[in-house]
Amino acid sequence: MRTPKEEREISAGGYTYAPDGTRASRMRVFTSDYSYMIKLDRYCEENPDEWKVERVNHNGQDIVSKEYSCPTSCLSFRKKTVKGREMTEEEKARAAERMQTARNARLG
């Protein structure tokens, strides 16, 4: 049985210092949210030196959560949410035309 939507989560953490007293360089990321699992699995495929799947938890046949490890430098905090650019309807129409032209050029 898959994890219900209201129970899905993601958490990241790690110790500031390793047991030997040096600064820790890696942290753990736990998630039971399937969209994050897909995203983090892609990171593991694209950057196997930095991202690793450490544990996969199953409930019968279903994967219910995964735990990953990555460099602590992958964690970032932001002061506030980045606000997108506000565009007029005319600017939106021009942008849509440019995107359509780019798509057509790429498709051949």
C-alpha atoms as a PDB file:
ATOM      1  CA  MET A   1       0.000   0.000   0.000  1.00  0.00           C
ATOM      2  CA  ARG A   2       1.391   3.381  -0.983  1.00  0.00           C
ATOM      3  CA  THR A   3       1.796   6.210   1.498  1.00  0.00           C
ATOM      4  CA  PRO A   4      -1.320   8.447   1.599  1.00  0.00           C
ATOM      5  CA  LYS A   5      -0.767  11.974   0.269  1.00  0.00           C
ATOM      6  CA  GLU A   6      -1.345  13.614   3.653  1.00  0.00           C
ATOM      7  CA  GLU A   7       1.421  11.471   5.208  1.00  0.00           C
ATOM      8  CA  ARG A   8       4.133  12.106   2.612  1.00  0.00           C
ATOM      9  CA  GLU A   9       7.108  14.139   3.710  1.00  0.00           C
ATOM     10  CA  ILE A  10      10.656  15.176   2.946  1.00  0.00           C
ATOM     11  CA  SER A  11      13.294  15.970   5.508  1.00  0.00           C
ATOM     12  CA  ALA A  12      16.964  16.790   5.222  1.00  0.00           C
ATOM     13  CA  GLY A  13      19.505  16.820   7.952  1.00  0.00           C
ATOM     14  CA  GLY A  14      22.872  15.905   9.149  1.00  0.00           C
ATOM     15  CA  TYR A  15      25.337  16.478  11.896  1.00  0.00           C
ATOM     16  CA  THR A  16      27.367  19.658  11.738  1.00  0.00           C
ATOM     17  CA  TYR A  17      30.451  17.756  12.838  1.00  0.00           C
ATOM     18  CA  ALA A  18      31.621  14.239  12.060  1.00  0.00           C
ATOM     19  CA  PRO A  19      32.538  11.895  14.957  1.00  0.00           C
ATOM     20  CA  ASP A  20      36.234  12.736  14.488  1.00  0.00           C
ATOM     21  CA  GLY A  21      35.541  16.439  15.148  1.00  0.00           C
ATOM     22  CA  THR A  22      35.895  17.608  11.549  1.00  0.00           C
ATOM     23  CA  ARG A  23      33.194  19.483   9.690  1.00  0.00           C
ATOM     24  CA  ALA A  24      30.678  17.023   8.211  1.00  0.00           C
ATOM     25  CA  SER A  25      30.622  17.077   4.431  1.00  0.00           C
ATOM     26  CA  ARG A  26      27.516  14.950   3.785  1.00  0.00           C
ATOM     27  CA  MET A  27      23.918  14.966   4.892  1.00  0.00           C
ATOM     28  CA  ARG A  28      20.910  12.659   4.626  1.00  0.00           C
ATOM     29  CA  VAL A  29      17.651  13.359   2.814  1.00  0.00           C
ATOM     30  CA  PHE A  30      14.598  11.238   3.650  1.00  0.00           C
ATOM     31  CA  THR A  31      11.422  11.347   1.588  1.00  0.00           C
ATOM     32  CA  SER A  32       8.165   9.485   1.304  1.00  0.00           C
ATOM     33  CA  ASP A  33       6.926  11.849  -1.423  1.00  0.00           C
ATOM     34  CA  TYR A  34       7.028  10.138  -4.815  1.00  0.00           C
ATOM     35  CA  SER A  35       7.635  13.309  -6.818  1.00  0.00           C
ATOM     36  CA  TYR A  36      10.765  14.005  -4.738  1.00  0.00           C
ATOM     37  CA  MET A  37      11.879  10.378  -5.118  1.00  0.00           C
ATOM     38  CA  ILE A  38      11.756  10.788  -8.891  1.00  0.00           C
ATOM     39  CA  LYS A  39      13.688  14.066  -8.696  1.00  0.00           C
ATOM     40  CA  LEU A  40      16.337  12.723  -6.318  1.00  0.00           C
ATOM     41  CA  ASP A  41      16.688   9.470  -8.279  1.00  0.00           C
ATOM     42  CA  ARG A  42      17.471  11.613 -11.317  1.00  0.00           C
ATOM     43  CA  TYR A  43      20.124  13.465  -9.285  1.00  0.00           C
ATOM     44  CA  CYS A  44      21.633  10.066  -8.372  1.00  0.00           C
ATOM     45  CA  GLU A  45      21.779   9.057 -12.041  1.00  0.00           C
ATOM     46  CA  GLU A  46      23.219  12.373 -13.226  1.00  0.00           C
ATOM     47  CA  ASN A  47      25.678  12.881 -10.322  1.00  0.00           C
ATOM     48  CA  PRO A  48      26.618   9.465  -8.892  1.00  0.00           C
ATOM     49  CA  ASP A  49      29.719  10.887  -7.178  1.00  0.00           C
ATOM     50  CA  GLU A  50      27.605  13.263  -5.087  1.00  0.00           C
ATOM     51  CA  TRP A  51      24.123  11.729  -4.742  1.00  0.00           C
ATOM     52  CA  LYS A  52      23.538   8.183  -3.482  1.00  0.00           C
ATOM     53  CA  VAL A  53      20.478   6.123  -2.513  1.00  0.00           C
ATOM     54  CA  GLU A  54      21.268   4.852   0.982  1.00  0.00           C
ATOM     55  CA  ARG A  55      18.066   2.997   1.866  1.00  0.00           C
ATOM     56  CA  VAL A  56      14.803   1.984   0.195  1.00  0.00           C
ATOM     57  CA  ASN A  57      11.867   1.118   2.454  1.00  0.00           C
ATOM     58  CA  HIS A  58       9.169  -1.212   1.161  1.00  0.00           C
ATOM     59  CA  ASN A  59       5.674  -2.060   2.307  1.00  0.00           C
ATOM     60  CA  GLY A  60       5.146  -5.347   0.552  1.00  0.00           C
ATOM     61  CA  GLN A  61       5.796  -4.686  -3.139  1.00  0.00           C
ATOM     62  CA  ASP A  62       5.489  -0.885  -2.909  1.00  0.00           C
ATOM     63  CA  ILE A  63       8.333   1.538  -2.244  1.00  0.00           C
ATOM     64  CA  VAL A  64       7.129   3.812   0.552  1.00  0.00           C
ATOM     65  CA  SER A  65      10.232   5.904   1.201  1.00  0.00           C
ATOM     66  CA  LYS A  66      13.878   6.397   0.316  1.00  0.00           C
ATOM     67  CA  GLU A  67      16.877   7.851   2.062  1.00  0.00           C
ATOM     68  CA  TYR A  68      19.621   9.592   0.094  1.00  0.00           C
ATOM     69  CA  SER A  69      22.980  11.110   0.959  1.00  0.00           C
ATOM     70  CA  CYS A  70      24.508  14.163  -0.655  1.00  0.00           C
ATOM     71  CA  PRO A  71      27.036  16.913   0.076  1.00  0.00           C
ATOM     72  CA  THR A  72      25.932  19.462   2.669  1.00  0.00           C
ATOM     73  CA  SER A  73      26.519  22.122   0.016  1.00  0.00           C
ATOM     74  CA  CYS A  74      23.341  20.894  -1.730  1.00  0.00           C
ATOM     75  CA  LEU A  75      21.238  22.395   1.064  1.00  0.00           C
ATOM     76  CA  SER A  76      20.381  26.046   0.651  1.00  0.00           C
ATOM     77  CA  PHE A  77      18.147  28.493   2.485  1.00  0.00           C
ATOM     78  CA  ARG A  78      16.450  31.476   0.936  1.00  0.00           C
ATOM     79  CA  LYS A  79      15.333  34.631   2.650  1.00  0.00           C
ATOM     80  CA  LYS A  80      12.109  34.751   0.646  1.00  0.00           C
ATOM     81  CA  THR A  81      10.382  33.176  -2.297  1.00  0.00           C
ATOM     82  CA  VAL A  82      11.553  34.427  -5.664  1.00  0.00           C
ATOM     83  CA  LYS A  83       8.731  36.252  -7.380  1.00  0.00           C
ATOM     84  CA  GLY A  84       8.317  35.691 -11.079  1.00  0.00           C
ATOM     85  CA  ARG A  85       8.337  38.492 -13.593  1.00  0.00           C
ATOM     86  CA  GLU A  86       4.999  40.202 -14.135  1.00  0.00           C
ATOM     87  CA  MET A  87       4.122  40.509 -17.810  1.00  0.00           C
ATOM     88  CA  THR A  88       1.389  42.310 -19.676  1.00  0.00           C
ATOM     89  CA  GLU A  89      -0.926  40.317 -21.943  1.00  0.00           C
ATOM     90  CA  GLU A  90       0.960  41.684 -24.975  1.00  0.00           C
ATOM     91  CA  GLU A  91       4.316  40.526 -23.563  1.00  0.00           C
ATOM     92  CA  LYS A  92       2.832  37.097 -22.797  1.00  0.00           C
ATOM     93  CA  ALA A  93       1.563  36.791 -26.386  1.00  0.00           C
ATOM     94  CA  ARG A  94       4.988  37.712 -27.813  1.00  0.00           C
ATOM     95  CA  ALA A  95       6.704  35.239 -25.496  1.00  0.00           C
ATOM     96  CA  ALA A  96       4.257  32.516 -26.551  1.00  0.00           C
ATOM     97  CA  GLU A  97       5.049  33.235 -30.208  1.00  0.00           C
ATOM     98  CA  ARG A  98       8.801  33.019 -29.521  1.00  0.00           C
ATOM     99  CA  MET A  99       8.336  29.705 -27.713  1.00  0.00           C
ATOM    100  CA  GLN A 100       6.241  28.315 -30.561  1.00  0.00           C
ATOM    101  CA  THR A 101       8.857  29.372 -33.095  1.00  0.00           C
ATOM    102  CA  ALA A 102      11.606  27.745 -31.002  1.00  0.00           C
ATOM    103  CA  ARG A 103       9.587  24.505 -30.676  1.00  0.00           C
ATOM    104  CA  ASN A 104       8.943  24.395 -34.427  1.00  0.00           C
ATOM    105  CA  ALA A 105      12.621  24.993 -35.185  1.00  0.00           C
ATOM    106  CA  ARG A 106      13.656  22.227 -32.809  1.00  0.00           C
ATOM    107  CA  LEU A 107      11.166  19.719 -34.215  1.00  0.00           C
ATOM    108  CA  GLY A 108      12.395  20.432 -37.671  1.00  0.00           C
END
